[in-house]
Amino acid sequence: MLNKKNEIILVDNFDNETGTSDKEKAHRQGLLHRAFSVFLYDGNRLLIQKRAEHKYHSGGLWANTCCSHPKKNESLSEAVKRRLYEETGICSDTEEVFSFVYRHKFNDELYEYEFDHVFIGEYAGEYRADPEEISEMKWIDSEELEREMAEYPDDFACWFRIAAPGVIRIIKARESRKV
C-alpha cells in the first residue's frame, strides 16, 4: 500500500490530473506531477533557502523560499499555505503568477519532471527554517542573485534557475510602479 503522506498528483502537460503516485516513485520513474514554488520578497530582496544536504535530490543547492507538491484533494493555495508554514514558519498571502513544465535528469534513476505553479508573496517578517528541509535561509538582493546565478549556476536548483528570472522581472515591475 502506498504511503498516503508521500502521495502526489500525476498530471498531463495541461495540468489535468491523471492519477497519483508515491513521491519517490514519481521521481525515480520520471512521472509528470504537480508541484509549486513559492518566492517571498520584500522590495527587491528575495528570501531563498539552501536545501538540506540529506535531501535525495538537490541537497545543498539554493532554491526559492518553499517548494513542494499538493496532496490529493488539496488545492494549490491550501498546499502553499501548509508547506510554507511547515518549512519556514511563515504565514503569508501569495498569488500564482505563472506555471511551467520542466524535466531534469539527475542520473539514470532520478528525475524531476514537474508542472510547476509559481507563487509570489510580499513578506518582511521572521522565519524559522525546518532543519529536515532547509540548512540555511537568507534575504538576497535580486541583482546580486542574478549575478550569482550567472556566475555559479550549479549552486542553484534546476527549477529555480528556470523560475527565478521571471519572478525577478515581475517583482521589479511591481516595485517600479510603487515609486
N, C-alpha and C. Protein backbone atom coordinates (compact mmCIF):
# COMPACT_ATOMS: atom_id res chain seq x y z
N MET A 1 0.84 -1.19 0.00
CA MET A 1 0.00 0.00 0.00
C MET A 1 0.88 1.24 0.00
N LEU A 2 0.49 2.24 -0.76
CA LEU A 2 1.25 3.48 -0.83
C LEU A 2 1.13 4.27 0.46
N ASN A 3 2.20 4.94 0.82
CA ASN A 3 2.18 5.84 1.96
C ASN A 3 1.46 7.12 1.52
N LYS A 4 0.25 7.35 2.05
CA LYS A 4 -0.57 8.49 1.60
C LYS A 4 0.11 9.82 1.88
N LYS A 5 0.97 9.87 2.90
CA LYS A 5 1.66 11.12 3.23
C LYS A 5 2.53 11.58 2.05
N ASN A 6 3.11 10.64 1.31
CA ASN A 6 4.02 10.98 0.21
C ASN A 6 3.37 10.81 -1.16
N GLU A 7 2.04 10.69 -1.20
CA GLU A 7 1.34 10.54 -2.47
C GLU A 7 1.20 11.90 -3.14
N ILE A 8 1.59 11.97 -4.41
CA ILE A 8 1.49 13.22 -5.16
C ILE A 8 0.61 13.03 -6.38
N ILE A 9 0.23 14.13 -7.00
CA ILE A 9 -0.72 14.12 -8.10
C ILE A 9 0.01 14.09 -9.44
N LEU A 10 -0.29 13.08 -10.24
CA LEU A 10 0.24 12.99 -11.60
C LEU A 10 -0.66 13.80 -12.52
N VAL A 11 -0.05 14.45 -13.52
CA VAL A 11 -0.80 15.31 -14.44
C VAL A 11 -0.29 15.12 -15.86
N ASP A 12 -1.06 15.68 -16.81
CA ASP A 12 -0.60 15.73 -18.19
C ASP A 12 0.01 17.12 -18.44
N ASN A 13 0.38 17.40 -19.67
CA ASN A 13 1.02 18.68 -19.99
C ASN A 13 0.11 19.90 -19.86
N PHE A 14 -1.18 19.66 -19.61
CA PHE A 14 -2.14 20.75 -19.41
C PHE A 14 -2.59 20.83 -17.96
N ASP A 15 -1.89 20.12 -17.07
CA ASP A 15 -2.16 20.08 -15.63
C ASP A 15 -3.47 19.39 -15.28
N ASN A 16 -3.96 18.53 -16.16
CA ASN A 16 -5.12 17.70 -15.84
C ASN A 16 -4.66 16.49 -15.07
N GLU A 17 -5.34 16.16 -13.97
CA GLU A 17 -4.95 15.02 -13.15
C GLU A 17 -5.11 13.72 -13.93
N THR A 18 -4.09 12.86 -13.81
CA THR A 18 -4.13 11.55 -14.47
C THR A 18 -4.00 10.41 -13.46
N GLY A 19 -3.80 10.73 -12.18
CA GLY A 19 -3.67 9.70 -11.16
C GLY A 19 -2.81 10.21 -10.03
N THR A 20 -2.34 9.27 -9.21
CA THR A 20 -1.45 9.60 -8.10
C THR A 20 -0.28 8.61 -8.09
N SER A 21 0.75 8.99 -7.35
CA SER A 21 1.93 8.13 -7.23
C SER A 21 2.65 8.46 -5.93
N ASP A 22 3.39 7.52 -5.43
CA ASP A 22 4.32 7.79 -4.34
C ASP A 22 5.35 8.79 -4.87
N LYS A 23 5.71 9.77 -4.05
CA LYS A 23 6.61 10.84 -4.49
C LYS A 23 7.95 10.28 -4.98
N GLU A 24 8.55 9.39 -4.24
CA GLU A 24 9.86 8.87 -4.64
C GLU A 24 9.75 8.07 -5.94
N LYS A 25 8.67 7.30 -6.09
CA LYS A 25 8.46 6.54 -7.32
C LYS A 25 8.34 7.48 -8.52
N ALA A 26 7.58 8.58 -8.35
CA ALA A 26 7.43 9.55 -9.44
C ALA A 26 8.78 10.14 -9.85
N HIS A 27 9.63 10.40 -8.87
CA HIS A 27 10.95 10.95 -9.18
C HIS A 27 11.89 9.90 -9.75
N ARG A 28 11.73 8.66 -9.35
CA ARG A 28 12.59 7.59 -9.89
C ARG A 28 12.19 7.21 -11.31
N GLN A 29 10.89 7.29 -11.61
CA GLN A 29 10.40 6.89 -12.94
C GLN A 29 10.19 8.06 -13.89
N GLY A 30 10.42 9.28 -13.42
CA GLY A 30 10.26 10.45 -14.27
C GLY A 30 8.82 10.70 -14.67
N LEU A 31 7.88 10.58 -13.72
CA LEU A 31 6.47 10.79 -14.00
C LEU A 31 6.11 12.27 -13.79
N LEU A 32 5.39 12.85 -14.76
CA LEU A 32 4.99 14.24 -14.66
C LEU A 32 4.00 14.42 -13.52
N HIS A 33 4.30 15.36 -12.62
CA HIS A 33 3.44 15.58 -11.46
C HIS A 33 3.34 17.07 -11.14
N ARG A 34 2.31 17.39 -10.36
CA ARG A 34 2.03 18.78 -9.98
C ARG A 34 2.93 19.19 -8.83
N ALA A 35 3.45 20.41 -8.93
CA ALA A 35 4.33 20.96 -7.90
C ALA A 35 4.09 22.46 -7.81
N PHE A 36 4.69 23.07 -6.80
CA PHE A 36 4.62 24.52 -6.69
C PHE A 36 5.92 25.05 -6.11
N SER A 37 6.20 26.30 -6.47
CA SER A 37 7.38 27.02 -5.98
C SER A 37 6.90 28.36 -5.44
N VAL A 38 7.30 28.69 -4.21
CA VAL A 38 6.91 29.94 -3.58
C VAL A 38 8.13 30.84 -3.46
N PHE A 39 7.97 32.09 -3.90
CA PHE A 39 9.02 33.11 -3.78
C PHE A 39 8.46 34.24 -2.94
N LEU A 40 9.05 34.48 -1.77
CA LEU A 40 8.66 35.63 -0.97
C LEU A 40 9.67 36.75 -1.20
N TYR A 41 9.17 37.97 -1.23
CA TYR A 41 10.04 39.10 -1.49
C TYR A 41 9.67 40.27 -0.59
N ASP A 42 10.66 41.15 -0.41
CA ASP A 42 10.49 42.40 0.34
C ASP A 42 11.24 43.46 -0.46
N GLY A 43 10.50 44.30 -1.19
CA GLY A 43 11.17 45.24 -2.08
C GLY A 43 11.87 44.46 -3.18
N ASN A 44 13.17 44.70 -3.35
CA ASN A 44 13.96 43.98 -4.36
C ASN A 44 14.69 42.78 -3.78
N ARG A 45 14.38 42.43 -2.53
CA ARG A 45 15.04 41.27 -1.91
C ARG A 45 14.14 40.04 -1.99
N LEU A 46 14.77 38.89 -2.19
CA LEU A 46 14.06 37.63 -2.18
C LEU A 46 14.57 36.78 -1.03
N LEU A 47 13.67 36.03 -0.42
CA LEU A 47 14.03 35.10 0.65
C LEU A 47 14.26 33.74 0.01
N ILE A 48 15.51 33.27 0.04
CA ILE A 48 15.84 31.97 -0.56
C ILE A 48 16.32 31.01 0.50
N GLN A 49 16.29 29.73 0.16
CA GLN A 49 16.73 28.69 1.08
C GLN A 49 17.79 27.81 0.43
N LYS A 50 18.66 27.28 1.28
CA LYS A 50 19.59 26.23 0.85
C LYS A 50 18.99 24.92 1.32
N ARG A 51 18.74 24.02 0.38
CA ARG A 51 18.11 22.75 0.72
C ARG A 51 19.03 21.92 1.61
N ALA A 52 18.43 21.20 2.55
CA ALA A 52 19.19 20.35 3.46
C ALA A 52 20.05 19.37 2.66
N GLU A 53 21.25 19.14 3.13
CA GLU A 53 22.20 18.26 2.44
C GLU A 53 21.66 16.85 2.22
N HIS A 54 20.87 16.34 3.15
CA HIS A 54 20.42 14.95 3.08
C HIS A 54 19.23 14.72 2.14
N LYS A 55 18.70 15.77 1.51
CA LYS A 55 17.59 15.61 0.57
C LYS A 55 18.03 14.67 -0.55
N TYR A 56 17.13 13.81 -1.04
CA TYR A 56 17.56 12.82 -2.03
C TYR A 56 17.80 13.40 -3.41
N HIS A 57 17.43 14.64 -3.64
CA HIS A 57 17.91 15.35 -4.82
C HIS A 57 18.05 16.83 -4.49
N SER A 58 19.00 17.46 -5.12
CA SER A 58 19.25 18.90 -5.00
C SER A 58 19.65 19.34 -3.59
N GLY A 59 20.12 18.41 -2.78
CA GLY A 59 20.60 18.76 -1.44
C GLY A 59 21.78 19.72 -1.52
N GLY A 60 21.76 20.75 -0.66
CA GLY A 60 22.84 21.71 -0.62
C GLY A 60 22.76 22.80 -1.67
N LEU A 61 21.71 22.78 -2.50
CA LEU A 61 21.55 23.80 -3.53
C LEU A 61 20.59 24.88 -3.07
N TRP A 62 20.79 26.09 -3.57
CA TRP A 62 19.91 27.20 -3.26
C TRP A 62 18.64 27.08 -4.09
N ALA A 63 17.52 27.44 -3.46
CA ALA A 63 16.21 27.39 -4.12
C ALA A 63 15.33 28.51 -3.57
N ASN A 64 14.11 28.54 -4.04
CA ASN A 64 13.15 29.55 -3.60
C ASN A 64 12.72 29.31 -2.15
N THR A 65 11.93 30.22 -1.62
CA THR A 65 11.54 30.18 -0.21
C THR A 65 10.97 28.82 0.18
N CYS A 66 10.14 28.24 -0.66
CA CYS A 66 9.49 26.97 -0.37
C CYS A 66 9.09 26.31 -1.67
N CYS A 67 9.18 24.99 -1.73
CA CYS A 67 8.68 24.26 -2.89
C CYS A 67 8.21 22.89 -2.42
N SER A 68 7.16 22.40 -3.07
CA SER A 68 6.61 21.11 -2.64
C SER A 68 5.58 20.64 -3.65
N HIS A 69 4.72 19.73 -3.19
CA HIS A 69 3.66 19.14 -4.02
C HIS A 69 2.35 19.16 -3.24
N PRO A 70 1.25 19.48 -3.91
CA PRO A 70 -0.04 19.38 -3.22
C PRO A 70 -0.43 17.91 -3.07
N LYS A 71 -1.22 17.64 -2.06
CA LYS A 71 -1.75 16.29 -1.85
C LYS A 71 -3.05 16.12 -2.63
N LYS A 72 -3.46 14.88 -2.83
CA LYS A 72 -4.73 14.59 -3.48
C LYS A 72 -5.83 15.31 -2.72
N ASN A 73 -6.76 15.94 -3.44
CA ASN A 73 -7.90 16.67 -2.87
C ASN A 73 -7.49 17.90 -2.06
N GLU A 74 -6.30 18.43 -2.32
CA GLU A 74 -5.85 19.66 -1.67
C GLU A 74 -5.62 20.69 -2.77
N SER A 75 -6.19 21.88 -2.62
CA SER A 75 -5.98 22.92 -3.62
C SER A 75 -4.53 23.41 -3.56
N LEU A 76 -4.09 24.03 -4.63
CA LEU A 76 -2.74 24.59 -4.64
C LEU A 76 -2.58 25.63 -3.54
N SER A 77 -3.57 26.51 -3.37
CA SER A 77 -3.44 27.55 -2.34
C SER A 77 -3.38 26.96 -0.94
N GLU A 78 -4.13 25.89 -0.69
CA GLU A 78 -4.05 25.21 0.61
C GLU A 78 -2.67 24.59 0.81
N ALA A 79 -2.16 23.96 -0.23
CA ALA A 79 -0.85 23.31 -0.14
C ALA A 79 0.26 24.35 0.07
N VAL A 80 0.16 25.48 -0.63
CA VAL A 80 1.16 26.53 -0.47
C VAL A 80 1.18 27.03 0.97
N LYS A 81 0.02 27.33 1.53
CA LYS A 81 -0.05 27.81 2.93
C LYS A 81 0.51 26.76 3.89
N ARG A 82 0.12 25.50 3.70
CA ARG A 82 0.56 24.41 4.58
C ARG A 82 2.08 24.25 4.55
N ARG A 83 2.63 24.09 3.35
CA ARG A 83 4.07 23.83 3.25
C ARG A 83 4.92 25.05 3.60
N LEU A 84 4.46 26.24 3.26
CA LEU A 84 5.19 27.44 3.62
C LEU A 84 5.33 27.52 5.14
N TYR A 85 4.26 27.22 5.85
CA TYR A 85 4.33 27.25 7.31
C TYR A 85 5.18 26.11 7.85
N GLU A 86 5.01 24.90 7.31
CA GLU A 86 5.77 23.75 7.80
C GLU A 86 7.27 23.93 7.58
N GLU A 87 7.67 24.45 6.43
CA GLU A 87 9.10 24.57 6.12
C GLU A 87 9.75 25.80 6.73
N THR A 88 8.98 26.91 6.85
CA THR A 88 9.61 28.18 7.23
C THR A 88 8.97 28.88 8.43
N GLY A 89 7.82 28.39 8.90
CA GLY A 89 7.11 29.06 9.98
C GLY A 89 6.44 30.34 9.55
N ILE A 90 6.31 30.56 8.25
CA ILE A 90 5.75 31.80 7.72
C ILE A 90 4.29 31.61 7.31
N CYS A 91 3.46 32.56 7.71
CA CYS A 91 2.09 32.68 7.21
C CYS A 91 2.04 33.94 6.37
N SER A 92 1.81 33.80 5.09
CA SER A 92 1.81 34.96 4.18
C SER A 92 0.86 34.70 3.03
N ASP A 93 0.22 35.76 2.56
CA ASP A 93 -0.60 35.65 1.36
C ASP A 93 0.31 35.52 0.15
N THR A 94 -0.13 34.73 -0.81
CA THR A 94 0.62 34.54 -2.06
C THR A 94 -0.37 34.53 -3.22
N GLU A 95 0.17 34.69 -4.42
CA GLU A 95 -0.65 34.58 -5.62
C GLU A 95 0.15 33.85 -6.69
N GLU A 96 -0.56 33.07 -7.50
CA GLU A 96 0.11 32.39 -8.61
C GLU A 96 0.35 33.39 -9.73
N VAL A 97 1.58 33.41 -10.26
CA VAL A 97 1.93 34.36 -11.32
C VAL A 97 2.24 33.69 -12.66
N PHE A 98 2.65 32.45 -12.66
CA PHE A 98 2.84 31.69 -13.89
C PHE A 98 3.09 30.23 -13.55
N SER A 99 3.16 29.41 -14.58
CA SER A 99 3.48 28.00 -14.41
C SER A 99 4.32 27.55 -15.59
N PHE A 100 5.00 26.42 -15.42
CA PHE A 100 5.83 25.88 -16.50
C PHE A 100 6.06 24.39 -16.25
N VAL A 101 6.40 23.70 -17.30
CA VAL A 101 6.74 22.27 -17.21
C VAL A 101 8.23 22.15 -17.47
N TYR A 102 8.91 21.35 -16.66
CA TYR A 102 10.32 21.10 -16.91
C TYR A 102 10.65 19.66 -16.56
N ARG A 103 11.72 19.18 -17.16
CA ARG A 103 12.21 17.82 -16.89
C ARG A 103 13.71 17.90 -16.74
N HIS A 104 14.21 17.34 -15.65
CA HIS A 104 15.65 17.34 -15.38
C HIS A 104 16.06 15.93 -14.99
N LYS A 105 17.11 15.43 -15.63
CA LYS A 105 17.64 14.10 -15.32
C LYS A 105 18.87 14.27 -14.43
N PHE A 106 18.76 13.82 -13.17
CA PHE A 106 19.90 13.87 -12.25
C PHE A 106 20.86 12.74 -12.55
N ASN A 107 20.30 11.56 -12.81
CA ASN A 107 21.06 10.37 -13.19
C ASN A 107 20.07 9.38 -13.80
N ASP A 108 20.52 8.16 -14.10
CA ASP A 108 19.64 7.19 -14.76
C ASP A 108 18.47 6.73 -13.90
N GLU A 109 18.50 7.04 -12.62
CA GLU A 109 17.44 6.57 -11.72
C GLU A 109 16.74 7.69 -10.97
N LEU A 110 16.96 8.94 -11.37
CA LEU A 110 16.34 10.04 -10.64
C LEU A 110 16.07 11.22 -11.57
N TYR A 111 14.79 11.62 -11.61
CA TYR A 111 14.35 12.70 -12.49
C TYR A 111 13.49 13.68 -11.71
N GLU A 112 13.44 14.90 -12.21
CA GLU A 112 12.47 15.88 -11.76
C GLU A 112 11.67 16.21 -13.01
N TYR A 113 10.39 15.91 -13.00
CA TYR A 113 9.51 16.17 -14.15
C TYR A 113 8.22 16.74 -13.57
N GLU A 114 8.11 18.07 -13.62
CA GLU A 114 7.05 18.73 -12.89
C GLU A 114 6.30 19.76 -13.71
N PHE A 115 5.02 19.88 -13.40
CA PHE A 115 4.21 21.01 -13.83
C PHE A 115 4.24 21.93 -12.62
N ASP A 116 5.08 22.95 -12.67
CA ASP A 116 5.38 23.79 -11.51
C ASP A 116 4.57 25.09 -11.55
N HIS A 117 3.77 25.32 -10.51
CA HIS A 117 2.99 26.54 -10.35
C HIS A 117 3.81 27.48 -9.47
N VAL A 118 4.06 28.70 -9.98
CA VAL A 118 4.91 29.66 -9.27
C VAL A 118 4.04 30.69 -8.56
N PHE A 119 4.27 30.80 -7.25
CA PHE A 119 3.55 31.74 -6.40
C PHE A 119 4.53 32.77 -5.84
N ILE A 120 4.06 34.02 -5.70
CA ILE A 120 4.87 35.03 -5.04
C ILE A 120 4.04 35.69 -3.94
N GLY A 121 4.75 36.26 -2.98
CA GLY A 121 4.10 37.00 -1.92
C GLY A 121 5.05 38.01 -1.31
N GLU A 122 4.49 39.13 -0.91
CA GLU A 122 5.30 40.17 -0.27
C GLU A 122 5.32 39.86 1.23
N TYR A 123 6.53 39.85 1.81
CA TYR A 123 6.69 39.46 3.21
C TYR A 123 7.96 40.09 3.76
N ALA A 124 7.91 40.55 5.00
CA ALA A 124 9.10 41.18 5.59
C ALA A 124 9.35 40.71 7.02
N GLY A 125 8.73 39.63 7.44
CA GLY A 125 8.84 39.20 8.83
C GLY A 125 9.91 38.16 9.09
N GLU A 126 9.75 37.51 10.22
CA GLU A 126 10.69 36.47 10.66
C GLU A 126 10.41 35.15 9.96
N TYR A 127 11.36 34.25 10.05
CA TYR A 127 11.19 32.90 9.53
C TYR A 127 11.91 31.92 10.45
N ARG A 128 11.50 30.66 10.34
CA ARG A 128 12.09 29.57 11.12
C ARG A 128 12.27 28.39 10.17
N ALA A 129 13.49 28.10 9.80
CA ALA A 129 13.76 27.03 8.84
C ALA A 129 13.65 25.66 9.50
N ASP A 130 12.88 24.77 8.88
CA ASP A 130 12.80 23.38 9.34
C ASP A 130 14.09 22.68 8.92
N PRO A 131 14.92 22.21 9.88
CA PRO A 131 16.21 21.61 9.52
C PRO A 131 16.09 20.32 8.71
N GLU A 132 14.94 19.69 8.71
CA GLU A 132 14.74 18.50 7.87
C GLU A 132 14.67 18.88 6.39
N GLU A 133 14.29 20.11 6.13
CA GLU A 133 14.11 20.58 4.75
C GLU A 133 15.18 21.58 4.32
N ILE A 134 15.64 22.40 5.26
CA ILE A 134 16.44 23.58 4.92
C ILE A 134 17.67 23.66 5.82
N SER A 135 18.84 23.90 5.21
CA SER A 135 20.04 24.08 6.02
C SER A 135 20.32 25.56 6.32
N GLU A 136 19.79 26.46 5.45
CA GLU A 136 20.07 27.88 5.62
C GLU A 136 19.03 28.69 4.84
N MET A 137 18.71 29.88 5.34
CA MET A 137 17.85 30.82 4.62
C MET A 137 18.49 32.19 4.67
N LYS A 138 18.24 32.99 3.62
CA LYS A 138 18.77 34.36 3.63
C LYS A 138 17.97 35.23 2.69
N TRP A 139 18.00 36.53 2.99
CA TRP A 139 17.48 37.54 2.08
C TRP A 139 18.61 37.92 1.13
N ILE A 140 18.29 38.05 -0.15
CA ILE A 140 19.29 38.44 -1.13
C ILE A 140 18.68 39.44 -2.11
N ASP A 141 19.43 40.48 -2.43
CA ASP A 141 19.02 41.48 -3.41
C ASP A 141 18.89 40.80 -4.77
N SER A 142 17.87 41.16 -5.52
CA SER A 142 17.62 40.50 -6.81
C SER A 142 18.79 40.65 -7.78
N GLU A 143 19.45 41.81 -7.79
CA GLU A 143 20.58 41.99 -8.70
C GLU A 143 21.77 41.11 -8.29
N GLU A 144 22.00 40.98 -6.98
CA GLU A 144 23.06 40.09 -6.51
C GLU A 144 22.72 38.64 -6.86
N LEU A 145 21.46 38.27 -6.72
CA LEU A 145 21.03 36.92 -7.07
C LEU A 145 21.24 36.64 -8.55
N GLU A 146 20.89 37.60 -9.38
CA GLU A 146 21.10 37.43 -10.82
C GLU A 146 22.58 37.22 -11.14
N ARG A 147 23.46 37.99 -10.49
CA ARG A 147 24.91 37.84 -10.70
C ARG A 147 25.38 36.45 -10.26
N GLU A 148 24.94 36.03 -9.07
CA GLU A 148 25.36 34.71 -8.56
C GLU A 148 24.85 33.58 -9.45
N MET A 149 23.63 33.71 -9.94
CA MET A 149 23.09 32.67 -10.83
C MET A 149 23.88 32.59 -12.13
N ALA A 150 24.34 33.75 -12.63
CA ALA A 150 25.13 33.77 -13.87
C ALA A 150 26.52 33.19 -13.64
N GLU A 151 27.13 33.52 -12.50
CA GLU A 151 28.49 33.07 -12.22
C GLU A 151 28.56 31.64 -11.69
N TYR A 152 27.56 31.23 -10.91
CA TYR A 152 27.59 29.92 -10.25
C TYR A 152 26.26 29.19 -10.44
N PRO A 153 25.86 28.91 -11.67
CA PRO A 153 24.53 28.30 -11.89
C PRO A 153 24.36 26.95 -11.20
N ASP A 154 25.44 26.20 -11.04
CA ASP A 154 25.33 24.88 -10.42
C ASP A 154 25.08 24.94 -8.91
N ASP A 155 25.11 26.13 -8.33
CA ASP A 155 24.79 26.29 -6.91
C ASP A 155 23.28 26.38 -6.66
N PHE A 156 22.49 26.38 -7.75
CA PHE A 156 21.05 26.59 -7.65
C PHE A 156 20.28 25.39 -8.21
N ALA A 157 19.14 25.11 -7.60
CA ALA A 157 18.29 24.00 -8.04
C ALA A 157 17.80 24.26 -9.47
N CYS A 158 17.61 23.19 -10.23
CA CYS A 158 17.26 23.31 -11.65
C CYS A 158 15.97 24.10 -11.87
N TRP A 159 14.92 23.88 -11.07
CA TRP A 159 13.67 24.61 -11.25
C TRP A 159 13.82 26.09 -10.89
N PHE A 160 14.69 26.37 -9.92
CA PHE A 160 14.93 27.75 -9.50
C PHE A 160 15.56 28.55 -10.64
N ARG A 161 16.51 27.94 -11.34
CA ARG A 161 17.17 28.63 -12.46
C ARG A 161 16.17 28.98 -13.57
N ILE A 162 15.10 28.20 -13.69
CA ILE A 162 14.07 28.47 -14.69
C ILE A 162 13.11 29.55 -14.19
N ALA A 163 12.64 29.41 -12.97
CA ALA A 163 11.58 30.29 -12.45
C ALA A 163 12.08 31.66 -11.99
N ALA A 164 13.25 31.73 -11.39
CA ALA A 164 13.72 32.97 -10.76
C ALA A 164 13.76 34.17 -11.71
N PRO A 165 14.25 34.04 -12.94
CA PRO A 165 14.27 35.22 -13.81
C PRO A 165 12.88 35.83 -14.04
N GLY A 166 11.88 35.00 -14.25
CA GLY A 166 10.52 35.50 -14.43
C GLY A 166 9.99 36.17 -13.18
N VAL A 167 10.26 35.57 -12.03
CA VAL A 167 9.83 36.14 -10.76
C VAL A 167 10.50 37.50 -10.54
N ILE A 168 11.79 37.57 -10.79
CA ILE A 168 12.52 38.84 -10.60
C ILE A 168 11.95 39.93 -11.50
N ARG A 169 11.63 39.59 -12.76
CA ARG A 169 11.02 40.58 -13.66
C ARG A 169 9.69 41.10 -13.09
N ILE A 170 8.86 40.21 -12.58
CA ILE A 170 7.57 40.59 -12.01
C ILE A 170 7.77 41.49 -10.80
N ILE A 171 8.67 41.11 -9.92
CA ILE A 171 8.92 41.89 -8.70
C ILE A 171 9.45 43.28 -9.05
N LYS A 172 10.40 43.35 -9.97
CA LYS A 172 10.95 44.66 -10.38
C LYS A 172 9.87 45.54 -10.98
N ALA A 173 8.99 44.96 -11.79
CA ALA A 173 7.90 45.74 -12.39
C ALA A 173 6.96 46.26 -11.31
N ARG A 174 6.64 45.43 -10.34
CA ARG A 174 5.76 45.86 -9.25
C ARG A 174 6.41 46.95 -8.41
N GLU A 175 7.67 46.78 -8.13
CA GLU A 175 8.38 47.78 -7.31
C GLU A 175 8.51 49.12 -8.04
N SER A 176 8.71 49.07 -9.38
CA SER A 176 8.84 50.32 -10.13
C SER A 176 7.51 51.08 -10.17
N ARG A 177 6.39 50.37 -10.10
CA ARG A 177 5.08 51.05 -10.07
C ARG A 177 4.81 51.72 -8.73
N LYS A 178 5.52 51.28 -7.67
CA LYS A 178 5.34 51.88 -6.34
C LYS A 178 6.02 53.23 -6.23
N VAL A 179 7.04 53.44 -7.07
CA VAL A 179 7.84 54.67 -6.99
C VAL A 179 7.08 55.87 -7.49
